Amino acid sequence: MIGGGIETGEEPTNTIRREVLEETNYLINNNDKLEYIRKYNIRDKSMMTEVYFSKAHFPGFDKLSDSMR
């Protein structure tokens, strides 16, 4: 799982693209079918955190997931 913080004024899908590039050196393109799934708000007494979930199809992932069955 890849994760990271959203920059001020940054759209969540742009954050996903940036974080994937930073952590894997892979540039998500339109063929990867990047899709926003859901945003969760997690709250406790002193703070609130937003967590965004997205998915994309990465080349070669189907071979990796098949080998892990």
N, C-alpha and C. Protein backbone atom coordinates (compact mmCIF):
# COMPACT_ATOMS: atom_id res chain seq x y z
N MET A 1 0.85 -1.17 0.00
CA MET A 1 0.00 0.00 0.00
C MET A 1 0.90 1.23 0.00
N ILE A 2 0.54 2.20 -0.80
CA ILE A 2 1.28 3.45 -0.91
C ILE A 2 0.48 4.54 -0.22
N GLY A 3 1.15 5.37 0.52
CA GLY A 3 0.45 6.44 1.21
C GLY A 3 1.31 7.66 1.38
N GLY A 4 0.68 8.75 1.73
CA GLY A 4 1.41 9.98 1.97
C GLY A 4 0.44 11.11 2.25
N GLY A 5 1.00 12.26 2.51
CA GLY A 5 0.18 13.41 2.86
C GLY A 5 -0.23 14.24 1.66
N ILE A 6 -1.40 14.83 1.76
CA ILE A 6 -1.91 15.71 0.72
C ILE A 6 -1.35 17.11 0.97
N GLU A 7 -0.87 17.75 -0.09
CA GLU A 7 -0.33 19.10 0.03
C GLU A 7 -1.48 20.11 0.02
N THR A 8 -1.26 21.27 0.60
CA THR A 8 -2.29 22.31 0.64
C THR A 8 -2.75 22.64 -0.77
N GLY A 9 -4.06 22.56 -1.00
CA GLY A 9 -4.65 22.89 -2.29
C GLY A 9 -4.55 21.79 -3.33
N GLU A 10 -3.97 20.66 -2.98
CA GLU A 10 -3.78 19.56 -3.94
C GLU A 10 -5.03 18.69 -3.99
N GLU A 11 -5.42 18.30 -5.19
CA GLU A 11 -6.55 17.38 -5.36
C GLU A 11 -6.10 15.96 -4.98
N PRO A 12 -6.99 15.16 -4.37
CA PRO A 12 -6.60 13.81 -3.95
C PRO A 12 -6.02 12.94 -5.07
N THR A 13 -6.57 13.01 -6.28
CA THR A 13 -6.02 12.18 -7.35
C THR A 13 -4.61 12.63 -7.73
N ASN A 14 -4.33 13.93 -7.64
CA ASN A 14 -2.97 14.41 -7.91
C ASN A 14 -2.02 13.96 -6.81
N THR A 15 -2.52 13.87 -5.58
CA THR A 15 -1.70 13.36 -4.48
C THR A 15 -1.33 11.90 -4.74
N ILE A 16 -2.29 11.10 -5.18
CA ILE A 16 -2.03 9.69 -5.48
C ILE A 16 -0.95 9.58 -6.56
N ARG A 17 -1.10 10.35 -7.63
CA ARG A 17 -0.12 10.31 -8.71
C ARG A 17 1.28 10.69 -8.20
N ARG A 18 1.36 11.74 -7.40
CA ARG A 18 2.65 12.20 -6.87
C ARG A 18 3.27 11.17 -5.94
N GLU A 19 2.48 10.62 -5.02
CA GLU A 19 3.00 9.66 -4.05
C GLU A 19 3.47 8.37 -4.73
N VAL A 20 2.71 7.89 -5.71
CA VAL A 20 3.12 6.68 -6.43
C VAL A 20 4.45 6.95 -7.15
N LEU A 21 4.57 8.11 -7.77
CA LEU A 21 5.80 8.45 -8.46
C LEU A 21 6.97 8.54 -7.48
N GLU A 22 6.76 9.19 -6.33
CA GLU A 22 7.82 9.33 -5.32
C GLU A 22 8.26 7.98 -4.75
N GLU A 23 7.30 7.11 -4.48
CA GLU A 23 7.61 5.87 -3.77
C GLU A 23 7.97 4.70 -4.68
N THR A 24 7.53 4.74 -5.95
CA THR A 24 7.79 3.60 -6.84
C THR A 24 8.48 3.99 -8.14
N ASN A 25 8.60 5.28 -8.39
CA ASN A 25 9.16 5.81 -9.63
C ASN A 25 8.30 5.43 -10.83
N TYR A 26 7.00 5.19 -10.62
CA TYR A 26 6.05 4.88 -11.69
C TYR A 26 5.10 6.05 -11.86
N LEU A 27 4.93 6.52 -13.09
CA LEU A 27 4.02 7.61 -13.39
C LEU A 27 2.67 7.03 -13.81
N ILE A 28 1.65 7.27 -13.01
CA ILE A 28 0.29 6.80 -13.34
C ILE A 28 -0.20 7.57 -14.57
N ASN A 29 -0.71 6.83 -15.55
CA ASN A 29 -1.27 7.47 -16.74
C ASN A 29 -2.74 7.09 -16.88
N ASN A 30 -3.39 7.59 -17.93
CA ASN A 30 -4.82 7.36 -18.11
C ASN A 30 -5.16 5.89 -18.32
N ASN A 31 -4.24 5.08 -18.84
CA ASN A 31 -4.49 3.66 -19.05
C ASN A 31 -4.55 2.88 -17.74
N ASP A 32 -4.05 3.46 -16.65
CA ASP A 32 -4.05 2.78 -15.36
C ASP A 32 -5.40 2.85 -14.65
N LYS A 33 -6.33 3.59 -15.21
CA LYS A 33 -7.71 3.65 -14.69
C LYS A 33 -7.74 4.07 -13.22
N LEU A 34 -7.06 5.15 -12.88
CA LEU A 34 -7.08 5.67 -11.52
C LEU A 34 -8.51 6.05 -11.16
N GLU A 35 -8.97 5.55 -10.02
CA GLU A 35 -10.36 5.75 -9.62
C GLU A 35 -10.43 6.09 -8.13
N TYR A 36 -11.11 7.17 -7.81
CA TYR A 36 -11.35 7.56 -6.42
C TYR A 36 -12.40 6.62 -5.83
N ILE A 37 -12.14 6.11 -4.64
CA ILE A 37 -13.08 5.17 -4.01
C ILE A 37 -13.90 5.85 -2.93
N ARG A 38 -13.20 6.38 -1.91
CA ARG A 38 -13.94 6.94 -0.78
C ARG A 38 -13.02 7.74 0.12
N LYS A 39 -13.61 8.68 0.84
CA LYS A 39 -12.89 9.45 1.84
C LYS A 39 -13.48 9.11 3.22
N TYR A 40 -12.59 8.83 4.16
CA TYR A 40 -13.01 8.59 5.54
C TYR A 40 -12.51 9.73 6.41
N ASN A 41 -13.33 10.15 7.35
CA ASN A 41 -12.91 11.12 8.36
C ASN A 41 -12.71 10.36 9.67
N ILE A 42 -11.53 10.45 10.21
CA ILE A 42 -11.21 9.79 11.48
C ILE A 42 -11.03 10.89 12.52
N ARG A 43 -11.81 10.83 13.56
CA ARG A 43 -11.77 11.87 14.58
C ARG A 43 -11.44 11.28 15.95
N ASP A 44 -10.70 12.06 16.72
CA ASP A 44 -10.58 11.78 18.15
C ASP A 44 -10.75 13.10 18.87
N LYS A 45 -10.45 13.16 20.14
CA LYS A 45 -10.74 14.36 20.94
C LYS A 45 -10.00 15.60 20.44
N SER A 46 -8.79 15.43 19.91
CA SER A 46 -7.97 16.60 19.59
C SER A 46 -7.72 16.84 18.11
N MET A 47 -8.13 15.91 17.23
CA MET A 47 -7.83 16.12 15.81
C MET A 47 -8.78 15.36 14.90
N MET A 48 -8.77 15.75 13.64
CA MET A 48 -9.54 15.07 12.62
C MET A 48 -8.60 14.81 11.44
N THR A 49 -8.63 13.59 10.91
CA THR A 49 -7.80 13.20 9.78
C THR A 49 -8.69 12.72 8.65
N GLU A 50 -8.39 13.15 7.43
CA GLU A 50 -9.09 12.66 6.26
C GLU A 50 -8.22 11.62 5.58
N VAL A 51 -8.82 10.47 5.25
CA VAL A 51 -8.10 9.39 4.57
C VAL A 51 -8.83 9.12 3.26
N TYR A 52 -8.09 9.22 2.14
CA TYR A 52 -8.67 8.99 0.82
C TYR A 52 -8.21 7.64 0.30
N PHE A 53 -9.14 6.90 -0.28
CA PHE A 53 -8.82 5.61 -0.89
C PHE A 53 -9.09 5.69 -2.38
N SER A 54 -8.13 5.22 -3.16
CA SER A 54 -8.24 5.18 -4.61
C SER A 54 -7.72 3.84 -5.09
N LYS A 55 -7.98 3.53 -6.34
CA LYS A 55 -7.41 2.32 -6.92
C LYS A 55 -6.99 2.61 -8.35
N ALA A 56 -6.04 1.82 -8.83
CA ALA A 56 -5.57 1.93 -10.20
C ALA A 56 -5.07 0.56 -10.63
N HIS A 57 -5.06 0.32 -11.92
CA HIS A 57 -4.54 -0.93 -12.47
C HIS A 57 -3.12 -0.67 -12.94
N PHE A 58 -2.15 -1.31 -12.31
CA PHE A 58 -0.75 -1.13 -12.67
C PHE A 58 -0.29 -2.28 -13.57
N PRO A 59 0.50 -1.96 -14.60
CA PRO A 59 1.01 -3.02 -15.47
C PRO A 59 1.81 -4.04 -14.67
N GLY A 60 1.56 -5.31 -14.93
CA GLY A 60 2.29 -6.38 -14.25
C GLY A 60 1.71 -6.79 -12.92
N PHE A 61 0.77 -6.03 -12.37
CA PHE A 61 0.22 -6.37 -11.07
C PHE A 61 -0.52 -7.69 -11.11
N ASP A 62 -1.19 -7.98 -12.23
CA ASP A 62 -1.92 -9.24 -12.34
C ASP A 62 -0.97 -10.43 -12.22
N LYS A 63 0.25 -10.30 -12.73
CA LYS A 63 1.23 -11.40 -12.60
C LYS A 63 1.69 -11.53 -11.16
N LEU A 64 1.88 -10.41 -10.48
CA LEU A 64 2.30 -10.43 -9.08
C LEU A 64 1.22 -11.06 -8.22
N SER A 65 -0.03 -10.64 -8.39
CA SER A 65 -1.09 -11.18 -7.54
C SER A 65 -1.32 -12.67 -7.82
N ASP A 66 -1.16 -13.11 -9.08
CA ASP A 66 -1.30 -14.54 -9.39
C ASP A 66 -0.24 -15.36 -8.69
N SER A 67 0.97 -14.83 -8.59
CA SER A 67 2.06 -15.59 -7.97
C SER A 67 1.92 -15.67 -6.46
N MET A 68 1.05 -14.86 -5.88
CA MET A 68 0.89 -14.83 -4.43
C MET A 68 -0.29 -15.67 -3.97
N ARG A 69 -0.97 -16.32 -4.88
CA ARG A 69 -2.13 -17.15 -4.49
C ARG A 69 -1.70 -18.46 -3.92
